[in-house]
Amino acid sequence: MLLHSIILDYGWGVPQDDVYAHMWKNLASSNGYEPAKEQLKMLVQEMTSSQIEEAQRLARECVKKNYKGC
């Protein structure tokens, strides 16, 4: 999960996408990966409230789909 967020954070081989980076950091954090919590705090400072809401919605959907097709 965290690798996805790092790739999206920096745009390594893919366009940078803060919404999906937030989604993956949120999922990693909720699954007990402590470094993701701090990274999430830094990321939200660069995002709008609507972007954060979208990322949280995507994270909920991903969990409902058991992480398939996220």
PDB file of N, CA and C in Angstrom:
ATOM      1  N   MET A   1       0.813  -1.195   0.000  1.00  0.00           N
ATOM      2  CA  MET A   1       0.000   0.000   0.000  1.00  0.00           C
ATOM      3  C   MET A   1       0.853   1.254   0.000  1.00  0.00           C
ATOM      4  N   LEU A   2       1.855   1.254   0.862  1.00  0.00           N
ATOM      5  CA  LEU A   2       2.646   2.463   0.972  1.00  0.00           C
ATOM      6  C   LEU A   2       3.434   2.723  -0.302  1.00  0.00           C
ATOM      7  N   LEU A   3       3.898   1.685  -0.960  1.00  0.00           N
ATOM      8  CA  LEU A   3       4.632   1.877  -2.200  1.00  0.00           C
ATOM      9  C   LEU A   3       3.763   2.587  -3.229  1.00  0.00           C
ATOM     10  N   HIS A   4       2.495   2.215  -3.307  1.00  0.00           N
ATOM     11  CA  HIS A   4       1.575   2.901  -4.222  1.00  0.00           C
ATOM     12  C   HIS A   4       1.524   4.392  -3.905  1.00  0.00           C
ATOM     13  N   SER A   5       1.433   4.726  -2.637  1.00  0.00           N
ATOM     14  CA  SER A   5       1.309   6.131  -2.265  1.00  0.00           C
ATOM     15  C   SER A   5       2.594   6.891  -2.556  1.00  0.00           C
ATOM     16  N   ILE A   6       3.741   6.264  -2.362  1.00  0.00           N
ATOM     17  CA  ILE A   6       5.013   6.937  -2.642  1.00  0.00           C
ATOM     18  C   ILE A   6       5.155   7.186  -4.136  1.00  0.00           C
ATOM     19  N   ILE A   7       4.810   6.195  -4.945  1.00  0.00           N
ATOM     20  CA  ILE A   7       4.883   6.352  -6.397  1.00  0.00           C
ATOM     21  C   ILE A   7       3.985   7.499  -6.842  1.00  0.00           C
ATOM     22  N   LEU A   8       2.780   7.561  -6.304  1.00  0.00           N
ATOM     23  CA  LEU A   8       1.844   8.624  -6.678  1.00  0.00           C
ATOM     24  C   LEU A   8       2.261   9.973  -6.109  1.00  0.00           C
ATOM     25  N   ASP A   9       2.869   9.967  -4.924  1.00  0.00           N
ATOM     26  CA  ASP A   9       3.362  11.207  -4.312  1.00  0.00           C
ATOM     27  C   ASP A   9       4.374  11.899  -5.209  1.00  0.00           C
ATOM     28  N   TYR A  10       5.327  11.140  -5.697  1.00  0.00           N
ATOM     29  CA  TYR A  10       6.433  11.699  -6.453  1.00  0.00           C
ATOM     30  C   TYR A  10       6.259  11.602  -7.967  1.00  0.00           C
ATOM     31  N   GLY A  11       5.241  10.873  -8.413  1.00  0.00           N
ATOM     32  CA  GLY A  11       5.010  10.749  -9.839  1.00  0.00           C
ATOM     33  C   GLY A  11       6.044   9.876 -10.529  1.00  0.00           C
ATOM     34  N   TRP A  12       6.544   8.855  -9.840  1.00  0.00           N
ATOM     35  CA  TRP A  12       7.540   7.958 -10.430  1.00  0.00           C
ATOM     36  C   TRP A  12       6.875   7.037 -11.450  1.00  0.00           C
ATOM     37  N   GLY A  13       7.006   7.363 -12.721  1.00  0.00           N
ATOM     38  CA  GLY A  13       6.448   6.534 -13.783  1.00  0.00           C
ATOM     39  C   GLY A  13       4.958   6.728 -14.011  1.00  0.00           C
ATOM     40  N   VAL A  14       4.330   7.526 -13.185  1.00  0.00           N
ATOM     41  CA  VAL A  14       2.904   7.834 -13.322  1.00  0.00           C
ATOM     42  C   VAL A  14       2.715   9.318 -12.975  1.00  0.00           C
ATOM     43  N   PRO A  15       1.618   9.917 -13.433  1.00  0.00           N
ATOM     44  CA  PRO A  15       1.361  11.313 -13.037  1.00  0.00           C
ATOM     45  C   PRO A  15       1.180  11.411 -11.517  1.00  0.00           C
ATOM     46  N   GLN A  16       1.682  12.471 -10.932  1.00  0.00           N
ATOM     47  CA  GLN A  16       1.511  12.689  -9.496  1.00  0.00           C
ATOM     48  C   GLN A  16       0.027  12.839  -9.205  1.00  0.00           C
ATOM     49  N   ASP A  17      -0.450  12.180  -8.165  1.00  0.00           N
ATOM     50  CA  ASP A  17      -1.877  12.221  -7.835  1.00  0.00           C
ATOM     51  C   ASP A  17      -2.040  12.215  -6.325  1.00  0.00           C
ATOM     52  N   ASP A  18      -2.264  13.394  -5.762  1.00  0.00           N
ATOM     53  CA  ASP A  18      -2.387  13.520  -4.309  1.00  0.00           C
ATOM     54  C   ASP A  18      -3.593  12.774  -3.761  1.00  0.00           C
ATOM     55  N   VAL A  19      -4.677  12.713  -4.529  1.00  0.00           N
ATOM     56  CA  VAL A  19      -5.888  12.040  -4.051  1.00  0.00           C
ATOM     57  C   VAL A  19      -5.613  10.552  -3.831  1.00  0.00           C
ATOM     58  N   TYR A  20      -5.026   9.899  -4.832  1.00  0.00           N
ATOM     59  CA  TYR A  20      -4.736   8.474  -4.676  1.00  0.00           C
ATOM     60  C   TYR A  20      -3.589   8.226  -3.700  1.00  0.00           C
ATOM     61  N   ALA A  21      -2.627   9.149  -3.648  1.00  0.00           N
ATOM     62  CA  ALA A  21      -1.562   9.017  -2.651  1.00  0.00           C
ATOM     63  C   ALA A  21      -2.169   9.053  -1.246  1.00  0.00           C
ATOM     64  N   HIS A  22      -3.111   9.974  -1.033  1.00  0.00           N
ATOM     65  CA  HIS A  22      -3.798  10.069   0.260  1.00  0.00           C
ATOM     66  C   HIS A  22      -4.564   8.785   0.547  1.00  0.00           C
ATOM     67  N   MET A  23      -5.276   8.288  -0.473  1.00  0.00           N
ATOM     68  CA  MET A  23      -6.052   7.059  -0.281  1.00  0.00           C
ATOM     69  C   MET A  23      -5.158   5.928   0.224  1.00  0.00           C
ATOM     70  N   TRP A  24      -4.009   5.705  -0.447  1.00  0.00           N
ATOM     71  CA  TRP A  24      -3.127   4.598  -0.064  1.00  0.00           C
ATOM     72  C   TRP A  24      -2.469   4.837   1.291  1.00  0.00           C
ATOM     73  N   LYS A  25      -2.086   6.087   1.586  1.00  0.00           N
ATOM     74  CA  LYS A  25      -1.512   6.382   2.903  1.00  0.00           C
ATOM     75  C   LYS A  25      -2.551   6.168   3.993  1.00  0.00           C
ATOM     76  N   ASN A  26      -3.779   6.566   3.722  1.00  0.00           N
ATOM     77  CA  ASN A  26      -4.872   6.379   4.667  1.00  0.00           C
ATOM     78  C   ASN A  26      -5.070   4.891   4.953  1.00  0.00           C
ATOM     79  N   LEU A  27      -5.087   4.085   3.903  1.00  0.00           N
ATOM     80  CA  LEU A  27      -5.252   2.638   4.069  1.00  0.00           C
ATOM     81  C   LEU A  27      -4.076   2.033   4.829  1.00  0.00           C
ATOM     82  N   ALA A  28      -2.867   2.442   4.485  1.00  0.00           N
ATOM     83  CA  ALA A  28      -1.683   1.916   5.169  1.00  0.00           C
ATOM     84  C   ALA A  28      -1.712   2.296   6.648  1.00  0.00           C
ATOM     85  N   SER A  29      -2.081   3.546   6.912  1.00  0.00           N
ATOM     86  CA  SER A  29      -2.166   4.023   8.290  1.00  0.00           C
ATOM     87  C   SER A  29      -3.220   3.243   9.081  1.00  0.00           C
ATOM     88  N   SER A  30      -4.370   3.028   8.473  1.00  0.00           N
ATOM     89  CA  SER A  30      -5.445   2.320   9.181  1.00  0.00           C
ATOM     90  C   SER A  30      -5.121   0.844   9.381  1.00  0.00           C
ATOM     91  N   ASN A  31      -4.152   0.349   8.634  1.00  0.00           N
ATOM     92  CA  ASN A  31      -3.712  -1.035   8.815  1.00  0.00           C
ATOM     93  C   ASN A  31      -2.465  -1.138   9.691  1.00  0.00           C
ATOM     94  N   GLY A  32      -2.153  -0.052  10.396  1.00  0.00           N
ATOM     95  CA  GLY A  32      -1.107  -0.094  11.407  1.00  0.00           C
ATOM     96  C   GLY A  32       0.281   0.319  10.974  1.00  0.00           C
ATOM     97  N   TYR A  33       0.441   0.824   9.754  1.00  0.00           N
ATOM     98  CA  TYR A  33       1.767   1.250   9.315  1.00  0.00           C
ATOM     99  C   TYR A  33       2.006   2.682   9.796  1.00  0.00           C
ATOM    100  N   GLU A  34       2.743   2.811  10.876  1.00  0.00           N
ATOM    101  CA  GLU A  34       2.932   4.098  11.559  1.00  0.00           C
ATOM    102  C   GLU A  34       3.524   5.207  10.688  1.00  0.00           C
ATOM    103  N   PRO A  35       4.554   4.945   9.857  1.00  0.00           N
ATOM    104  CA  PRO A  35       5.113   6.045   9.053  1.00  0.00           C
ATOM    105  C   PRO A  35       4.080   6.707   8.141  1.00  0.00           C
ATOM    106  N   ALA A  36       3.067   5.977   7.738  1.00  0.00           N
ATOM    107  CA  ALA A  36       2.044   6.548   6.857  1.00  0.00           C
ATOM    108  C   ALA A  36       1.265   7.657   7.552  1.00  0.00           C
ATOM    109  N   LYS A  37       1.124   7.570   8.853  1.00  0.00           N
ATOM    110  CA  LYS A  37       0.384   8.604   9.593  1.00  0.00           C
ATOM    111  C   LYS A  37       1.064   9.964   9.456  1.00  0.00           C
ATOM    112  N   GLU A  38       2.370   9.982   9.622  1.00  0.00           N
ATOM    113  CA  GLU A  38       3.113  11.237   9.514  1.00  0.00           C
ATOM    114  C   GLU A  38       3.113  11.743   8.075  1.00  0.00           C
ATOM    115  N   GLN A  39       3.262  10.837   7.121  1.00  0.00           N
ATOM    116  CA  GLN A  39       3.240  11.225   5.711  1.00  0.00           C
ATOM    117  C   GLN A  39       1.873  11.792   5.331  1.00  0.00           C
ATOM    118  N   LEU A  40       0.829  11.230   5.890  1.00  0.00           N
ATOM    119  CA  LEU A  40      -0.526  11.698   5.623  1.00  0.00           C
ATOM    120  C   LEU A  40      -0.707  13.118   6.149  1.00  0.00           C
ATOM    121  N   LYS A  41      -0.166  13.399   7.319  1.00  0.00           N
ATOM    122  CA  LYS A  41      -0.254  14.751   7.889  1.00  0.00           C
ATOM    123  C   LYS A  41       0.388  15.781   6.972  1.00  0.00           C
ATOM    124  N   MET A  42       1.530  15.433   6.387  1.00  0.00           N
ATOM    125  CA  MET A  42       2.213  16.363   5.490  1.00  0.00           C
ATOM    126  C   MET A  42       1.442  16.529   4.182  1.00  0.00           C
ATOM    127  N   LEU A  43       0.906  15.441   3.674  1.00  0.00           N
ATOM    128  CA  LEU A  43       0.197  15.478   2.399  1.00  0.00           C
ATOM    129  C   LEU A  43      -1.060  16.337   2.470  1.00  0.00           C
ATOM    130  N   VAL A  44      -1.818  16.240   3.548  1.00  0.00           N
ATOM    131  CA  VAL A  44      -3.078  16.995   3.634  1.00  0.00           C
ATOM    132  C   VAL A  44      -2.853  18.507   3.628  1.00  0.00           C
ATOM    133  N   GLN A  45      -1.672  18.938   3.987  1.00  0.00           N
ATOM    134  CA  GLN A  45      -1.378  20.369   3.972  1.00  0.00           C
ATOM    135  C   GLN A  45      -1.368  20.924   2.550  1.00  0.00           C
ATOM    136  N   GLU A  46      -1.193  20.046   1.557  1.00  0.00           N
ATOM    137  CA  GLU A  46      -1.121  20.466   0.166  1.00  0.00           C
ATOM    138  C   GLU A  46      -2.431  20.208  -0.594  1.00  0.00           C
ATOM    139  N   MET A  47      -3.448  19.708   0.104  1.00  0.00           N
ATOM    140  CA  MET A  47      -4.682  19.292  -0.556  1.00  0.00           C
ATOM    141  C   MET A  47      -5.856  20.181  -0.165  1.00  0.00           C
ATOM    142  N   THR A  48      -6.836  20.253  -1.060  1.00  0.00           N
ATOM    143  CA  THR A  48      -8.073  20.954  -0.738  1.00  0.00           C
ATOM    144  C   THR A  48      -8.984  20.014   0.053  1.00  0.00           C
ATOM    145  N   SER A  49      -9.978  20.569   0.689  1.00  0.00           N
ATOM    146  CA  SER A  49     -10.906  19.737   1.451  1.00  0.00           C
ATOM    147  C   SER A  49     -11.670  18.780   0.534  1.00  0.00           C
ATOM    148  N   SER A  50     -11.986  19.218  -0.676  1.00  0.00           N
ATOM    149  CA  SER A  50     -12.692  18.322  -1.597  1.00  0.00           C
ATOM    150  C   SER A  50     -11.793  17.172  -2.055  1.00  0.00           C
ATOM    151  N   GLN A  51     -10.510  17.423  -2.215  1.00  0.00           N
ATOM    152  CA  GLN A  51      -9.578  16.346  -2.562  1.00  0.00           C
ATOM    153  C   GLN A  51      -9.484  15.326  -1.423  1.00  0.00           C
ATOM    154  N   ILE A  52      -9.432  15.811  -0.202  1.00  0.00           N
ATOM    155  CA  ILE A  52      -9.355  14.926   0.960  1.00  0.00           C
ATOM    156  C   ILE A  52     -10.622  14.086   1.067  1.00  0.00           C
ATOM    157  N   GLU A  53     -11.769  14.715   0.872  1.00  0.00           N
ATOM    158  CA  GLU A  53     -13.038  13.978   0.919  1.00  0.00           C
ATOM    159  C   GLU A  53     -13.077  12.889  -0.151  1.00  0.00           C
ATOM    160  N   GLU A  54     -12.607  13.201  -1.345  1.00  0.00           N
ATOM    161  CA  GLU A  54     -12.580  12.226  -2.436  1.00  0.00           C
ATOM    162  C   GLU A  54     -11.645  11.062  -2.098  1.00  0.00           C
ATOM    163  N   ALA A  55     -10.488  11.372  -1.535  1.00  0.00           N
ATOM    164  CA  ALA A  55      -9.538  10.331  -1.153  1.00  0.00           C
ATOM    165  C   ALA A  55     -10.131   9.418  -0.083  1.00  0.00           C
ATOM    166  N   GLN A  56     -10.823   9.988   0.867  1.00  0.00           N
ATOM    167  CA  GLN A  56     -11.446   9.188   1.922  1.00  0.00           C
ATOM    168  C   GLN A  56     -12.564   8.311   1.354  1.00  0.00           C
ATOM    169  N   ARG A  57     -13.325   8.848   0.398  1.00  0.00           N
ATOM    170  CA  ARG A  57     -14.373   8.067  -0.251  1.00  0.00           C
ATOM    171  C   ARG A  57     -13.755   6.887  -1.008  1.00  0.00           C
ATOM    172  N   LEU A  58     -12.681   7.152  -1.741  1.00  0.00           N
ATOM    173  CA  LEU A  58     -12.006   6.095  -2.488  1.00  0.00           C
ATOM    174  C   LEU A  58     -11.451   5.022  -1.556  1.00  0.00           C
ATOM    175  N   ALA A  59     -10.919   5.430  -0.414  1.00  0.00           N
ATOM    176  CA  ALA A  59     -10.394   4.470   0.557  1.00  0.00           C
ATOM    177  C   ALA A  59     -11.512   3.571   1.085  1.00  0.00           C
ATOM    178  N   ARG A  60     -12.664   4.160   1.386  1.00  0.00           N
ATOM    179  CA  ARG A  60     -13.799   3.354   1.862  1.00  0.00           C
ATOM    180  C   ARG A  60     -14.239   2.354   0.800  1.00  0.00           C
ATOM    181  N   GLU A  61     -14.309   2.807  -0.461  1.00  0.00           N
ATOM    182  CA  GLU A  61     -14.691   1.917  -1.552  1.00  0.00           C
ATOM    183  C   GLU A  61     -13.681   0.782  -1.713  1.00  0.00           C
ATOM    184  N   CYS A  62     -12.420   1.112  -1.586  1.00  0.00           N
ATOM    185  CA  CYS A  62     -11.363   0.114  -1.741  1.00  0.00           C
ATOM    186  C   CYS A  62     -11.489  -0.974  -0.679  1.00  0.00           C
ATOM    187  N   VAL A  63     -11.768  -0.581   0.545  1.00  0.00           N
ATOM    188  CA  VAL A  63     -11.946  -1.554   1.627  1.00  0.00           C
ATOM    189  C   VAL A  63     -13.159  -2.435   1.340  1.00  0.00           C
ATOM    190  N   LYS A  64     -14.247  -1.821   0.878  1.00  0.00           N
ATOM    191  CA  LYS A  64     -15.454  -2.592   0.561  1.00  0.00           C
ATOM    192  C   LYS A  64     -15.194  -3.625  -0.524  1.00  0.00           C
ATOM    193  N   LYS A  65     -14.285  -3.287  -1.456  1.00  0.00           N
ATOM    194  CA  LYS A  65     -13.958  -4.207  -2.550  1.00  0.00           C
ATOM    195  C   LYS A  65     -12.822  -5.164  -2.170  1.00  0.00           C
ATOM    196  N   ASN A  66     -12.450  -5.141  -0.867  1.00  0.00           N
ATOM    197  CA  ASN A  66     -11.373  -5.986  -0.373  1.00  0.00           C
ATOM    198  C   ASN A  66     -10.067  -5.723  -1.130  1.00  0.00           C
ATOM    199  N   TYR A  67      -9.819  -4.465  -1.419  1.00  0.00           N
ATOM    200  CA  TYR A  67      -8.592  -3.958  -2.053  1.00  0.00           C
ATOM    201  C   TYR A  67      -8.429  -4.426  -3.499  1.00  0.00           C
ATOM    202  N   LYS A  68      -9.470  -4.937  -4.119  1.00  0.00           N
ATOM    203  CA  LYS A  68      -9.372  -5.398  -5.517  1.00  0.00           C
ATOM    204  C   LYS A  68      -9.833  -4.290  -6.452  1.00  0.00           C
ATOM    205  N   GLY A  69      -9.003  -3.990  -7.432  1.00  0.00           N
ATOM    206  CA  GLY A  69      -9.347  -2.964  -8.405  1.00  0.00           C
ATOM    207  C   GLY A  69      -9.182  -1.544  -7.910  1.00  0.00           C
ATOM    208  N   CYS A  70      -8.384  -1.381  -6.892  1.00  0.00           N
ATOM    209  CA  CYS A  70      -8.192  -0.021  -6.338  1.00  0.00           C
ATOM    210  C   CYS A  70      -7.173   0.706  -7.158  1.00  0.00           C
TER     211      CYS A  70
END
